[in-house]
Amino acid sequence: MIGYVTLGSNDIEKAAGFYDELLALIGAKRFMENEKFIAWTVSPTTPALSVTKPYDGNAATVGNGVMVALVVDSTAKVDALHAKALELGGTDEGAPGPRGEGFYAAYFRDLDGNKLNAFCMG
């Protein structure tokens, strides 16, 4: 049901470097971009993640309670995404591990403070 998620950034180039490396771990690549916007996806027919400078010209801020969840197919990929995010300068919001029956997840923030989650079911 979700087509894409957009995260605000005050430094598109810095954000692009973070997401280029992080999302490469799950096979995502850039598929749309201009000077104010970049989007990544694993396929043009699947949901995308993008970063953008706010349209109103004001500084990007982090929404309280807003989080983007990246679904992967293994606990190893959850672990790898979390580790890569921290390696790239992101911050830990919850180490990888089980979060209830059948749900394995890790939480982190990107360079602009946006909260993300990597998870797998099963």
PDB file of N, CA and C in Angstrom:
ATOM      1  N   MET A   1       0.802  -1.192   0.000  1.00  0.00           N
ATOM      2  CA  MET A   1       0.000   0.000   0.000  1.00  0.00           C
ATOM      3  C   MET A   1       0.851   1.264   0.000  1.00  0.00           C
ATOM      4  N   ILE A   2       2.015   1.246   0.619  1.00  0.00           N
ATOM      5  CA  ILE A   2       2.868   2.426   0.634  1.00  0.00           C
ATOM      6  C   ILE A   2       3.653   2.490  -0.674  1.00  0.00           C
ATOM      7  N   GLY A   3       3.649   3.654  -1.316  1.00  0.00           N
ATOM      8  CA  GLY A   3       4.397   3.858  -2.547  1.00  0.00           C
ATOM      9  C   GLY A   3       5.817   4.310  -2.270  1.00  0.00           C
ATOM     10  N   TYR A   4       5.965   5.284  -1.354  1.00  0.00           N
ATOM     11  CA  TYR A   4       7.292   5.747  -0.953  1.00  0.00           C
ATOM     12  C   TYR A   4       7.187   6.516   0.350  1.00  0.00           C
ATOM     13  N   VAL A   5       8.320   6.645   1.008  1.00  0.00           N
ATOM     14  CA  VAL A   5       8.447   7.413   2.237  1.00  0.00           C
ATOM     15  C   VAL A   5       9.505   8.470   1.983  1.00  0.00           C
ATOM     16  N   THR A   6       9.241   9.699   2.410  1.00  0.00           N
ATOM     17  CA  THR A   6      10.188  10.787   2.237  1.00  0.00           C
ATOM     18  C   THR A   6      10.664  11.271   3.595  1.00  0.00           C
ATOM     19  N   LEU A   7      11.985  11.402   3.754  1.00  0.00           N
ATOM     20  CA  LEU A   7      12.595  11.929   4.960  1.00  0.00           C
ATOM     21  C   LEU A   7      13.242  13.264   4.634  1.00  0.00           C
ATOM     22  N   GLY A   8      13.072  14.243   5.511  1.00  0.00           N
ATOM     23  CA  GLY A   8      13.693  15.541   5.297  1.00  0.00           C
ATOM     24  C   GLY A   8      15.177  15.494   5.602  1.00  0.00           C
ATOM     25  N   SER A   9      15.944  16.283   4.862  1.00  0.00           N
ATOM     26  CA  SER A   9      17.385  16.391   5.106  1.00  0.00           C
ATOM     27  C   SER A   9      17.836  17.820   4.869  1.00  0.00           C
ATOM     28  N   ASN A  10      18.772  18.259   5.698  1.00  0.00           N
ATOM     29  CA  ASN A  10      19.379  19.576   5.509  1.00  0.00           C
ATOM     30  C   ASN A  10      20.659  19.495   4.694  1.00  0.00           C
ATOM     31  N   ASP A  11      21.120  18.289   4.402  1.00  0.00           N
ATOM     32  CA  ASP A  11      22.343  18.092   3.624  1.00  0.00           C
ATOM     33  C   ASP A  11      22.150  16.863   2.735  1.00  0.00           C
ATOM     34  N   ILE A  12      21.608  17.085   1.554  1.00  0.00           N
ATOM     35  CA  ILE A  12      21.273  15.993   0.642  1.00  0.00           C
ATOM     36  C   ILE A  12      22.502  15.156   0.278  1.00  0.00           C
ATOM     37  N   GLU A  13      23.633  15.785   0.025  1.00  0.00           N
ATOM     38  CA  GLU A  13      24.834  15.024  -0.343  1.00  0.00           C
ATOM     39  C   GLU A  13      25.275  14.089   0.781  1.00  0.00           C
ATOM     40  N   LYS A  14      25.267  14.576   1.996  1.00  0.00           N
ATOM     41  CA  LYS A  14      25.650  13.759   3.150  1.00  0.00           C
ATOM     42  C   LYS A  14      24.650  12.617   3.344  1.00  0.00           C
ATOM     43  N   ALA A  15      23.363  12.937   3.247  1.00  0.00           N
ATOM     44  CA  ALA A  15      22.325  11.912   3.372  1.00  0.00           C
ATOM     45  C   ALA A  15      22.459  10.869   2.264  1.00  0.00           C
ATOM     46  N   ALA A  16      22.775  11.320   1.056  1.00  0.00           N
ATOM     47  CA  ALA A  16      22.914  10.403  -0.080  1.00  0.00           C
ATOM     48  C   ALA A  16      24.023   9.391   0.168  1.00  0.00           C
ATOM     49  N   GLY A  17      25.146   9.838   0.685  1.00  0.00           N
ATOM     50  CA  GLY A  17      26.236   8.918   0.992  1.00  0.00           C
ATOM     51  C   GLY A  17      25.830   7.875   2.016  1.00  0.00           C
ATOM     52  N   PHE A  18      25.104   8.308   3.044  1.00  0.00           N
ATOM     53  CA  PHE A  18      24.611   7.399   4.083  1.00  0.00           C
ATOM     54  C   PHE A  18      23.693   6.346   3.475  1.00  0.00           C
ATOM     55  N   TYR A  19      22.683   6.781   2.728  1.00  0.00           N
ATOM     56  CA  TYR A  19      21.699   5.848   2.180  1.00  0.00           C
ATOM     57  C   TYR A  19      22.240   5.026   1.002  1.00  0.00           C
ATOM     58  N   ASP A  20      23.139   5.566   0.204  1.00  0.00           N
ATOM     59  CA  ASP A  20      23.747   4.761  -0.858  1.00  0.00           C
ATOM     60  C   ASP A  20      24.382   3.501  -0.265  1.00  0.00           C
ATOM     61  N   GLU A  21      25.174   3.677   0.785  1.00  0.00           N
ATOM     62  CA  GLU A  21      25.862   2.530   1.394  1.00  0.00           C
ATOM     63  C   GLU A  21      24.923   1.656   2.208  1.00  0.00           C
ATOM     64  N   LEU A  22      24.053   2.271   2.990  1.00  0.00           N
ATOM     65  CA  LEU A  22      23.149   1.495   3.841  1.00  0.00           C
ATOM     66  C   LEU A  22      22.197   0.651   3.006  1.00  0.00           C
ATOM     67  N   LEU A  23      21.519   1.254   2.056  1.00  0.00           N
ATOM     68  CA  LEU A  23      20.496   0.544   1.293  1.00  0.00           C
ATOM     69  C   LEU A  23      21.083  -0.421   0.268  1.00  0.00           C
ATOM     70  N   ALA A  24      22.353  -0.251  -0.081  1.00  0.00           N
ATOM     71  CA  ALA A  24      23.013  -1.215  -0.965  1.00  0.00           C
ATOM     72  C   ALA A  24      23.038  -2.602  -0.325  1.00  0.00           C
ATOM     73  N   LEU A  25      23.042  -2.651   1.004  1.00  0.00           N
ATOM     74  CA  LEU A  25      23.046  -3.939   1.702  1.00  0.00           C
ATOM     75  C   LEU A  25      21.802  -4.767   1.408  1.00  0.00           C
ATOM     76  N   ILE A  26      20.719  -4.107   1.018  1.00  0.00           N
ATOM     77  CA  ILE A  26      19.483  -4.842   0.717  1.00  0.00           C
ATOM     78  C   ILE A  26      19.114  -4.737  -0.771  1.00  0.00           C
ATOM     79  N   GLY A  27      20.083  -4.345  -1.589  1.00  0.00           N
ATOM     80  CA  GLY A  27      19.883  -4.336  -3.032  1.00  0.00           C
ATOM     81  C   GLY A  27      19.187  -3.111  -3.589  1.00  0.00           C
ATOM     82  N   ALA A  28      19.023  -2.069  -2.790  1.00  0.00           N
ATOM     83  CA  ALA A  28      18.368  -0.852  -3.279  1.00  0.00           C
ATOM     84  C   ALA A  28      19.379   0.066  -3.943  1.00  0.00           C
ATOM     85  N   LYS A  29      18.917   0.737  -4.991  1.00  0.00           N
ATOM     86  CA  LYS A  29      19.738   1.688  -5.732  1.00  0.00           C
ATOM     87  C   LYS A  29      18.920   2.948  -5.990  1.00  0.00           C
ATOM     88  N   ARG A  30      19.631   4.023  -6.304  1.00  0.00           N
ATOM     89  CA  ARG A  30      18.950   5.268  -6.687  1.00  0.00           C
ATOM     90  C   ARG A  30      18.148   5.019  -7.964  1.00  0.00           C
ATOM     91  N   PHE A  31      16.917   5.556  -7.979  1.00  0.00           N
ATOM     92  CA  PHE A  31      16.150   5.436  -9.215  1.00  0.00           C
ATOM     93  C   PHE A  31      15.533   6.763  -9.659  1.00  0.00           C
ATOM     94  N   MET A  32      15.542   7.762  -8.796  1.00  0.00           N
ATOM     95  CA  MET A  32      15.087   9.106  -9.157  1.00  0.00           C
ATOM     96  C   MET A  32      15.924  10.091  -8.356  1.00  0.00           C
ATOM     97  N   GLU A  33      16.299  11.211  -8.993  1.00  0.00           N
ATOM     98  CA  GLU A  33      16.997  12.243  -8.230  1.00  0.00           C
ATOM     99  C   GLU A  33      17.057  13.546  -8.996  1.00  0.00           C
ATOM    100  N   ASN A  34      17.142  14.630  -8.225  1.00  0.00           N
ATOM    101  CA  ASN A  34      17.451  15.956  -8.735  1.00  0.00           C
ATOM    102  C   ASN A  34      18.191  16.691  -7.624  1.00  0.00           C
ATOM    103  N   GLU A  35      18.367  17.991  -7.740  1.00  0.00           N
ATOM    104  CA  GLU A  35      19.169  18.715  -6.755  1.00  0.00           C
ATOM    105  C   GLU A  35      18.524  18.784  -5.362  1.00  0.00           C
ATOM    106  N   LYS A  36      17.249  18.490  -5.248  1.00  0.00           N
ATOM    107  CA  LYS A  36      16.565  18.571  -3.956  1.00  0.00           C
ATOM    108  C   LYS A  36      15.998  17.243  -3.465  1.00  0.00           C
ATOM    109  N   PHE A  37      16.172  16.161  -4.216  1.00  0.00           N
ATOM    110  CA  PHE A  37      15.463  14.918  -3.927  1.00  0.00           C
ATOM    111  C   PHE A  37      16.227  13.720  -4.471  1.00  0.00           C
ATOM    112  N   ILE A  38      16.320  12.646  -3.685  1.00  0.00           N
ATOM    113  CA  ILE A  38      16.883  11.374  -4.155  1.00  0.00           C
ATOM    114  C   ILE A  38      16.004  10.255  -3.613  1.00  0.00           C
ATOM    115  N   ALA A  39      15.696   9.275  -4.453  1.00  0.00           N
ATOM    116  CA  ALA A  39      14.889   8.127  -4.030  1.00  0.00           C
ATOM    117  C   ALA A  39      15.612   6.831  -4.385  1.00  0.00           C
ATOM    118  N   TRP A  40      15.506   5.849  -3.480  1.00  0.00           N
ATOM    119  CA  TRP A  40      16.099   4.522  -3.657  1.00  0.00           C
ATOM    120  C   TRP A  40      14.998   3.479  -3.615  1.00  0.00           C
ATOM    121  N   THR A  41      15.194   2.398  -4.364  1.00  0.00           N
ATOM    122  CA  THR A  41      14.270   1.276  -4.325  1.00  0.00           C
ATOM    123  C   THR A  41      14.990   0.018  -4.810  1.00  0.00           C
ATOM    124  N   VAL A  42      14.416  -1.126  -4.523  1.00  0.00           N
ATOM    125  CA  VAL A  42      14.958  -2.373  -5.052  1.00  0.00           C
ATOM    126  C   VAL A  42      14.344  -2.684  -6.416  1.00  0.00           C
ATOM    127  N   SER A  43      13.225  -2.036  -6.724  1.00  0.00           N
ATOM    128  CA  SER A  43      12.540  -2.207  -7.995  1.00  0.00           C
ATOM    129  C   SER A  43      11.580  -1.041  -8.190  1.00  0.00           C
ATOM    130  N   PRO A  44      11.419  -0.535  -9.406  1.00  0.00           N
ATOM    131  CA  PRO A  44      10.479   0.567  -9.622  1.00  0.00           C
ATOM    132  C   PRO A  44       9.028   0.229  -9.265  1.00  0.00           C
ATOM    133  N   THR A  45       8.726  -1.044  -9.068  1.00  0.00           N
ATOM    134  CA  THR A  45       7.358  -1.442  -8.727  1.00  0.00           C
ATOM    135  C   THR A  45       7.184  -1.727  -7.229  1.00  0.00           C
ATOM    136  N   THR A  46       8.219  -1.456  -6.436  1.00  0.00           N
ATOM    137  CA  THR A  46       8.117  -1.654  -4.983  1.00  0.00           C
ATOM    138  C   THR A  46       8.279  -0.309  -4.284  1.00  0.00           C
ATOM    139  N   PRO A  47       7.881  -0.220  -3.016  1.00  0.00           N
ATOM    140  CA  PRO A  47       8.005   1.047  -2.288  1.00  0.00           C
ATOM    141  C   PRO A  47       9.442   1.577  -2.273  1.00  0.00           C
ATOM    142  N   ALA A  48       9.557   2.891  -2.199  1.00  0.00           N
ATOM    143  CA  ALA A  48      10.849   3.568  -2.221  1.00  0.00           C
ATOM    144  C   ALA A  48      11.052   4.376  -0.942  1.00  0.00           C
ATOM    145  N   LEU A  49      12.308   4.684  -0.680  1.00  0.00           N
ATOM    146  CA  LEU A  49      12.700   5.574   0.406  1.00  0.00           C
ATOM    147  C   LEU A  49      13.402   6.753  -0.227  1.00  0.00           C
ATOM    148  N   SER A  50      13.065   7.962   0.195  1.00  0.00           N
ATOM    149  CA  SER A  50      13.693   9.136  -0.396  1.00  0.00           C
ATOM    150  C   SER A  50      14.080  10.140   0.677  1.00  0.00           C
ATOM    151  N   VAL A  51      15.027  11.009   0.319  1.00  0.00           N
ATOM    152  CA  VAL A  51      15.377  12.153   1.151  1.00  0.00           C
ATOM    153  C   VAL A  51      15.165  13.397   0.311  1.00  0.00           C
ATOM    154  N   THR A  52      14.743  14.475   0.963  1.00  0.00           N
ATOM    155  CA  THR A  52      14.452  15.704   0.253  1.00  0.00           C
ATOM    156  C   THR A  52      14.689  16.910   1.138  1.00  0.00           C
ATOM    157  N   LYS A  53      15.008  18.022   0.512  1.00  0.00           N
ATOM    158  CA  LYS A  53      15.032  19.296   1.226  1.00  0.00           C
ATOM    159  C   LYS A  53      13.573  19.715   1.369  1.00  0.00           C
ATOM    160  N   PRO A  54      13.163  20.229   2.531  1.00  0.00           N
ATOM    161  CA  PRO A  54      11.769  20.623   2.698  1.00  0.00           C
ATOM    162  C   PRO A  54      11.327  21.641   1.641  1.00  0.00           C
ATOM    163  N   TYR A  55      10.144  21.427   1.131  1.00  0.00           N
ATOM    164  CA  TYR A  55       9.586  22.263   0.077  1.00  0.00           C
ATOM    165  C   TYR A  55       9.461  23.722   0.499  1.00  0.00           C
ATOM    166  N   ASP A  56       9.143  23.945   1.790  1.00  0.00           N
ATOM    167  CA  ASP A  56       8.929  25.321   2.262  1.00  0.00           C
ATOM    168  C   ASP A  56      10.226  26.094   2.502  1.00  0.00           C
ATOM    169  N   GLY A  57      11.364  25.450   2.302  1.00  0.00           N
ATOM    170  CA  GLY A  57      12.638  26.133   2.468  1.00  0.00           C
ATOM    171  C   GLY A  57      13.142  26.213   3.894  1.00  0.00           C
ATOM    172  N   ASN A  58      12.338  25.784   4.846  1.00  0.00           N
ATOM    173  CA  ASN A  58      12.761  25.783   6.245  1.00  0.00           C
ATOM    174  C   ASN A  58      13.628  24.560   6.523  1.00  0.00           C
ATOM    175  N   ALA A  59      14.258  24.556   7.683  1.00  0.00           N
ATOM    176  CA  ALA A  59      15.108  23.432   8.070  1.00  0.00           C
ATOM    177  C   ALA A  59      14.287  22.162   8.228  1.00  0.00           C
ATOM    178  N   ALA A  60      14.872  21.045   7.832  1.00  0.00           N
ATOM    179  CA  ALA A  60      14.244  19.739   8.053  1.00  0.00           C
ATOM    180  C   ALA A  60      14.306  19.438   9.550  1.00  0.00           C
ATOM    181  N   THR A  61      13.229  18.888  10.091  1.00  0.00           N
ATOM    182  CA  THR A  61      13.185  18.476  11.489  1.00  0.00           C
ATOM    183  C   THR A  61      12.659  17.054  11.556  1.00  0.00           C
ATOM    184  N   VAL A  62      12.937  16.393  12.657  1.00  0.00           N
ATOM    185  CA  VAL A  62      12.520  15.010  12.851  1.00  0.00           C
ATOM    186  C   VAL A  62      11.147  14.998  13.513  1.00  0.00           C
ATOM    187  N   GLY A  63      10.225  14.234  12.965  1.00  0.00           N
ATOM    188  CA  GLY A  63       8.893  14.127  13.538  1.00  0.00           C
ATOM    189  C   GLY A  63       8.897  13.176  14.731  1.00  0.00           C
ATOM    190  N   ASN A  64       8.350  13.615  15.847  1.00  0.00           N
ATOM    191  CA  ASN A  64       8.274  12.771  17.030  1.00  0.00           C
ATOM    192  C   ASN A  64       7.285  11.644  16.784  1.00  0.00           C
ATOM    193  N   GLY A  65       7.745  10.402  16.907  1.00  0.00           N
ATOM    194  CA  GLY A  65       6.897   9.241  16.670  1.00  0.00           C
ATOM    195  C   GLY A  65       6.931   8.724  15.248  1.00  0.00           C
ATOM    196  N   VAL A  66       7.605   9.435  14.343  1.00  0.00           N
ATOM    197  CA  VAL A  66       7.702   8.997  12.958  1.00  0.00           C
ATOM    198  C   VAL A  66       8.879   8.031  12.821  1.00  0.00           C
ATOM    199  N   MET A  67       8.664   6.924  12.113  1.00  0.00           N
ATOM    200  CA  MET A  67       9.720   5.950  11.893  1.00  0.00           C
ATOM    201  C   MET A  67       9.477   5.250  10.567  1.00  0.00           C
ATOM    202  N   VAL A  68      10.554   4.941   9.871  1.00  0.00           N
ATOM    203  CA  VAL A  68      10.476   4.169   8.636  1.00  0.00           C
ATOM    204  C   VAL A  68      10.980   2.769   8.951  1.00  0.00           C
ATOM    205  N   ALA A  69      10.208   1.748   8.576  1.00  0.00           N
ATOM    206  CA  ALA A  69      10.592   0.358   8.821  1.00  0.00           C
ATOM    207  C   ALA A  69      10.984  -0.305   7.501  1.00  0.00           C
ATOM    208  N   LEU A  70      12.195  -0.891   7.489  1.00  0.00           N
ATOM    209  CA  LEU A  70      12.718  -1.570   6.310  1.00  0.00           C
ATOM    210  C   LEU A  70      12.609  -3.071   6.527  1.00  0.00           C
ATOM    211  N   VAL A  71      11.786  -3.758   5.744  1.00  0.00           N
ATOM    212  CA  VAL A  71      11.609  -5.202   5.894  1.00  0.00           C
ATOM    213  C   VAL A  71      12.702  -5.922   5.110  1.00  0.00           C
ATOM    214  N   VAL A  72      13.313  -6.915   5.747  1.00  0.00           N
ATOM    215  CA  VAL A  72      14.332  -7.749   5.109  1.00  0.00           C
ATOM    216  C   VAL A  72      13.972  -9.211   5.366  1.00  0.00           C
ATOM    217  N   ASP A  73      14.748 -10.121   4.773  1.00  0.00           N
ATOM    218  CA  ASP A  73      14.370 -11.528   4.856  1.00  0.00           C
ATOM    219  C   ASP A  73      15.198 -12.364   5.818  1.00  0.00           C
ATOM    220  N   SER A  74      16.042 -11.732   6.653  1.00  0.00           N
ATOM    221  CA  SER A  74      16.823 -12.527   7.603  1.00  0.00           C
ATOM    222  C   SER A  74      17.297 -11.675   8.773  1.00  0.00           C
ATOM    223  N   THR A  75      17.559 -12.335   9.889  1.00  0.00           N
ATOM    224  CA  THR A  75      18.111 -11.632  11.043  1.00  0.00           C
ATOM    225  C   THR A  75      19.518 -11.118  10.719  1.00  0.00           C
ATOM    226  N   ALA A  76      20.244 -11.833   9.874  1.00  0.00           N
ATOM    227  CA  ALA A  76      21.592 -11.389   9.491  1.00  0.00           C
ATOM    228  C   ALA A  76      21.533 -10.039   8.784  1.00  0.00           C
ATOM    229  N   LYS A  77      20.520  -9.825   7.953  1.00  0.00           N
ATOM    230  CA  LYS A  77      20.387  -8.543   7.262  1.00  0.00           C
ATOM    231  C   LYS A  77      19.983  -7.437   8.226  1.00  0.00           C
ATOM    232  N   VAL A  78      19.150  -7.760   9.216  1.00  0.00           N
ATOM    233  CA  VAL A  78      18.813  -6.780  10.253  1.00  0.00           C
ATOM    234  C   VAL A  78      20.094  -6.347  10.952  1.00  0.00           C
ATOM    235  N   ASP A  79      20.883  -7.340  11.376  1.00  0.00           N
ATOM    236  CA  ASP A  79      22.148  -7.057  12.062  1.00  0.00           C
ATOM    237  C   ASP A  79      23.067  -6.207  11.192  1.00  0.00           C
ATOM    238  N   ALA A  80      23.173  -6.556   9.904  1.00  0.00           N
ATOM    239  CA  ALA A  80      24.069  -5.852   8.994  1.00  0.00           C
ATOM    240  C   ALA A  80      23.633  -4.407   8.773  1.00  0.00           C
ATOM    241  N   LEU A  81      22.344  -4.181   8.595  1.00  0.00           N
ATOM    242  CA  LEU A  81      21.852  -2.812   8.403  1.00  0.00           C
ATOM    243  C   LEU A  81      22.127  -1.958   9.633  1.00  0.00           C
ATOM    244  N   HIS A  82      21.858  -2.494  10.807  1.00  0.00           N
ATOM    245  CA  HIS A  82      22.090  -1.754  12.050  1.00  0.00           C
ATOM    246  C   HIS A  82      23.579  -1.421  12.179  1.00  0.00           C
ATOM    247  N   ALA A  83      24.432  -2.397  11.973  1.00  0.00           N
ATOM    248  CA  ALA A  83      25.883  -2.180  12.086  1.00  0.00           C
ATOM    249  C   ALA A  83      26.360  -1.149  11.065  1.00  0.00           C
ATOM    250  N   LYS A  84      25.868  -1.231   9.837  1.00  0.00           N
ATOM    251  CA  LYS A  84      26.279  -0.305   8.787  1.00  0.00           C
ATOM    252  C   LYS A  84      25.817   1.112   9.107  1.00  0.00           C
ATOM    253  N   ALA A  85      24.599   1.244   9.608  1.00  0.00           N
ATOM    254  CA  ALA A  85      24.094   2.568   9.966  1.00  0.00           C
ATOM    255  C   ALA A  85      24.998   3.219  11.012  1.00  0.00           C
ATOM    256  N   LEU A  86      25.407   2.461  12.014  1.00  0.00           N
ATOM    257  CA  LEU A  86      26.281   2.997  13.054  1.00  0.00           C
ATOM    258  C   LEU A  86      27.662   3.312  12.490  1.00  0.00           C
ATOM    259  N   GLU A  87      28.168   2.445  11.623  1.00  0.00           N
ATOM    260  CA  GLU A  87      29.470   2.668  10.980  1.00  0.00           C
ATOM    261  C   GLU A  87      29.467   3.963  10.168  1.00  0.00           C
ATOM    262  N   LEU A  88      28.323   4.269   9.550  1.00  0.00           N
ATOM    263  CA  LEU A  88      28.204   5.459   8.710  1.00  0.00           C
ATOM    264  C   LEU A  88      27.909   6.731   9.503  1.00  0.00           C
ATOM    265  N   GLY A  89      27.845   6.620  10.821  1.00  0.00           N
ATOM    266  CA  GLY A  89      27.616   7.800  11.656  1.00  0.00           C
ATOM    267  C   GLY A  89      26.222   7.915  12.225  1.00  0.00           C
ATOM    268  N   GLY A  90      25.364   6.934  11.946  1.00  0.00           N
ATOM    269  CA  GLY A  90      24.034   6.919  12.547  1.00  0.00           C
ATOM    270  C   GLY A  90      24.135   6.607  14.033  1.00  0.00           C
ATOM    271  N   THR A  91      23.029   6.740  14.743  1.00  0.00           N
ATOM    272  CA  THR A  91      23.018   6.474  16.184  1.00  0.00           C
ATOM    273  C   THR A  91      22.088   5.317  16.514  1.00  0.00           C
ATOM    274  N   ASP A  92      22.451   4.589  17.538  1.00  0.00           N
ATOM    275  CA  ASP A  92      21.693   3.422  17.983  1.00  0.00           C
ATOM    276  C   ASP A  92      20.428   3.838  18.712  1.00  0.00           C
ATOM    277  N   GLU A  93      19.315   3.226  18.354  1.00  0.00           N
ATOM    278  CA  GLU A  93      18.041   3.434  19.049  1.00  0.00           C
ATOM    279  C   GLU A  93      17.497   2.119  19.580  1.00  0.00           C
ATOM    280  N   GLY A  94      18.248   1.041  19.460  1.00  0.00           N
ATOM    281  CA  GLY A  94      17.821  -0.272  19.934  1.00  0.00           C
ATOM    282  C   GLY A  94      18.556  -1.358  19.184  1.00  0.00           C
ATOM    283  N   ALA A  95      19.418  -2.066  19.877  1.00  0.00           N
ATOM    284  CA  ALA A  95      20.241  -3.105  19.263  1.00  0.00           C
ATOM    285  C   ALA A  95      19.396  -4.208  18.642  1.00  0.00           C
ATOM    286  N   PRO A  96      19.939  -4.917  17.649  1.00  0.00           N
ATOM    287  CA  PRO A  96      19.211  -6.024  17.032  1.00  0.00           C
ATOM    288  C   PRO A  96      18.831  -7.088  18.060  1.00  0.00           C
ATOM    289  N   GLY A  97      17.639  -7.620  17.891  1.00  0.00           N
ATOM    290  CA  GLY A  97      17.195  -8.691  18.764  1.00  0.00           C
ATOM    291  C   GLY A  97      15.714  -8.957  18.606  1.00  0.00           C
ATOM    292  N   PRO A  98      15.224 -10.032  19.257  1.00  0.00           N
ATOM    293  CA  PRO A  98      13.800 -10.347  19.198  1.00  0.00           C
ATOM    294  C   PRO A  98      12.979  -9.296  19.939  1.00  0.00           C
ATOM    295  N   ARG A  99      11.836  -8.977  19.372  1.00  0.00           N
ATOM    296  CA  ARG A  99      10.914  -8.009  19.977  1.00  0.00           C
ATOM    297  C   ARG A  99       9.523  -8.644  20.009  1.00  0.00           C
ATOM    298  N   GLY A 100       9.406  -9.732  20.701  1.00  0.00           N
ATOM    299  CA  GLY A 100       8.157 -10.479  20.705  1.00  0.00           C
ATOM    300  C   GLY A 100       8.272 -11.671  19.779  1.00  0.00           C
ATOM    301  N   GLU A 101       7.284 -12.510  19.824  1.00  0.00           N
ATOM    302  CA  GLU A 101       7.303 -13.753  19.056  1.00  0.00           C
ATOM    303  C   GLU A 101       7.284 -13.492  17.554  1.00  0.00           C
ATOM    304  N   GLY A 102       8.306 -14.003  16.856  1.00  0.00           N
ATOM    305  CA  GLY A 102       8.337 -13.927  15.401  1.00  0.00           C
ATOM    306  C   GLY A 102       8.737 -12.584  14.825  1.00  0.00           C
ATOM    307  N   PHE A 103       9.229 -11.666  15.646  1.00  0.00           N
ATOM    308  CA  PHE A 103       9.590 -10.328  15.167  1.00  0.00           C
ATOM    309  C   PHE A 103      10.990  -9.998  15.660  1.00  0.00           C
ATOM    310  N   TYR A 104      11.926  -9.800  14.732  1.00  0.00           N
ATOM    311  CA  TYR A 104      13.317  -9.491  15.050  1.00  0.00           C
ATOM    312  C   TYR A 104      13.613  -8.126  14.448  1.00  0.00           C
ATOM    313  N   ALA A 105      14.152  -7.200  15.249  1.00  0.00           N
ATOM    314  CA  ALA A 105      14.309  -5.828  14.770  1.00  0.00           C
ATOM    315  C   ALA A 105      15.510  -5.134  15.383  1.00  0.00           C
ATOM    316  N   ALA A 106      15.906  -4.049  14.738  1.00  0.00           N
ATOM    317  CA  ALA A 106      16.929  -3.134  15.225  1.00  0.00           C
ATOM    318  C   ALA A 106      16.496  -1.719  14.863  1.00  0.00           C
ATOM    319  N   TYR A 107      16.872  -0.761  15.682  1.00  0.00           N
ATOM    320  CA  TYR A 107      16.453   0.623  15.502  1.00  0.00           C
ATOM    321  C   TYR A 107      17.668   1.546  15.478  1.00  0.00           C
ATOM    322  N   PHE A 108      17.629   2.550  14.602  1.00  0.00           N
ATOM    323  CA  PHE A 108      18.728   3.505  14.501  1.00  0.00           C
ATOM    324  C   PHE A 108      18.220   4.812  13.909  1.00  0.00           C
ATOM    325  N   ARG A 109      19.042   5.839  14.035  1.00  0.00           N
ATOM    326  CA  ARG A 109      18.744   7.141  13.423  1.00  0.00           C
ATOM    327  C   ARG A 109      19.795   7.452  12.370  1.00  0.00           C
ATOM    328  N   ASP A 110      19.361   8.118  11.305  1.00  0.00           N
ATOM    329  CA  ASP A 110      20.287   8.508  10.243  1.00  0.00           C
ATOM    330  C   ASP A 110      21.032   9.782  10.650  1.00  0.00           C
ATOM    331  N   LEU A 111      21.759  10.371   9.741  1.00  0.00           N
ATOM    332  CA  LEU A 111      22.590  11.533  10.035  1.00  0.00           C
ATOM    333  C   LEU A 111      21.781  12.788  10.328  1.00  0.00           C
ATOM    334  N   ASP A 112      20.514  12.822   9.888  1.00  0.00           N
ATOM    335  CA  ASP A 112      19.635  13.955  10.170  1.00  0.00           C
ATOM    336  C   ASP A 112      18.743  13.708  11.381  1.00  0.00           C
ATOM    337  N   GLY A 113      18.876  12.534  12.019  1.00  0.00           N
ATOM    338  CA  GLY A 113      18.063  12.219  13.193  1.00  0.00           C
ATOM    339  C   GLY A 113      16.776  11.476  12.899  1.00  0.00           C
ATOM    340  N   ASN A 114      16.522  11.132  11.627  1.00  0.00           N
ATOM    341  CA  ASN A 114      15.322  10.361  11.285  1.00  0.00           C
ATOM    342  C   ASN A 114      15.461   8.953  11.826  1.00  0.00           C
ATOM    343  N   LYS A 115      14.388   8.428  12.426  1.00  0.00           N
ATOM    344  CA  LYS A 115      14.420   7.087  13.020  1.00  0.00           C
ATOM    345  C   LYS A 115      14.017   6.049  12.006  1.00  0.00           C
ATOM    346  N   LEU A 116      14.818   4.988  11.944  1.00  0.00           N
ATOM    347  CA  LEU A 116      14.530   3.845  11.070  1.00  0.00           C
ATOM    348  C   LEU A 116      14.573   2.556  11.863  1.00  0.00           C
ATOM    349  N   ASN A 117      13.945   1.550  11.307  1.00  0.00           N
ATOM    350  CA  ASN A 117      13.895   0.209  11.890  1.00  0.00           C
ATOM    351  C   ASN A 117      14.155  -0.768  10.768  1.00  0.00           C
ATOM    352  N   ALA A 118      14.973  -1.774  11.038  1.00  0.00           N
ATOM    353  CA  ALA A 118      15.139  -2.899  10.116  1.00  0.00           C
ATOM    354  C   ALA A 118      14.544  -4.114  10.825  1.00  0.00           C
ATOM    355  N   PHE A 119      13.708  -4.889  10.125  1.00  0.00           N
ATOM    356  CA  PHE A 119      13.058  -6.016  10.781  1.00  0.00           C
ATOM    357  C   PHE A 119      12.833  -7.171   9.826  1.00  0.00           C
ATOM    358  N   CYS A 120      12.632  -8.325  10.428  1.00  0.00           N
ATOM    359  CA  CYS A 120      12.190  -9.499   9.668  1.00  0.00           C
ATOM    360  C   CYS A 120      11.187 -10.274  10.534  1.00  0.00           C
ATOM    361  N   MET A 121      10.340 -10.990   9.875  1.00  0.00           N
ATOM    362  CA  MET A 121       9.312 -11.773  10.553  1.00  0.00           C
ATOM    363  C   MET A 121       9.682 -13.248  10.451  1.00  0.00           C
ATOM    364  N   GLY A 122       9.268 -13.987  11.471  1.00  0.00           N
ATOM    365  CA  GLY A 122       9.466 -15.418  11.403  1.00  0.00           C
ATOM    366  C   GLY A 122      10.497 -15.955  12.331  1.00  0.00           C
TER     367      GLY A 122
END
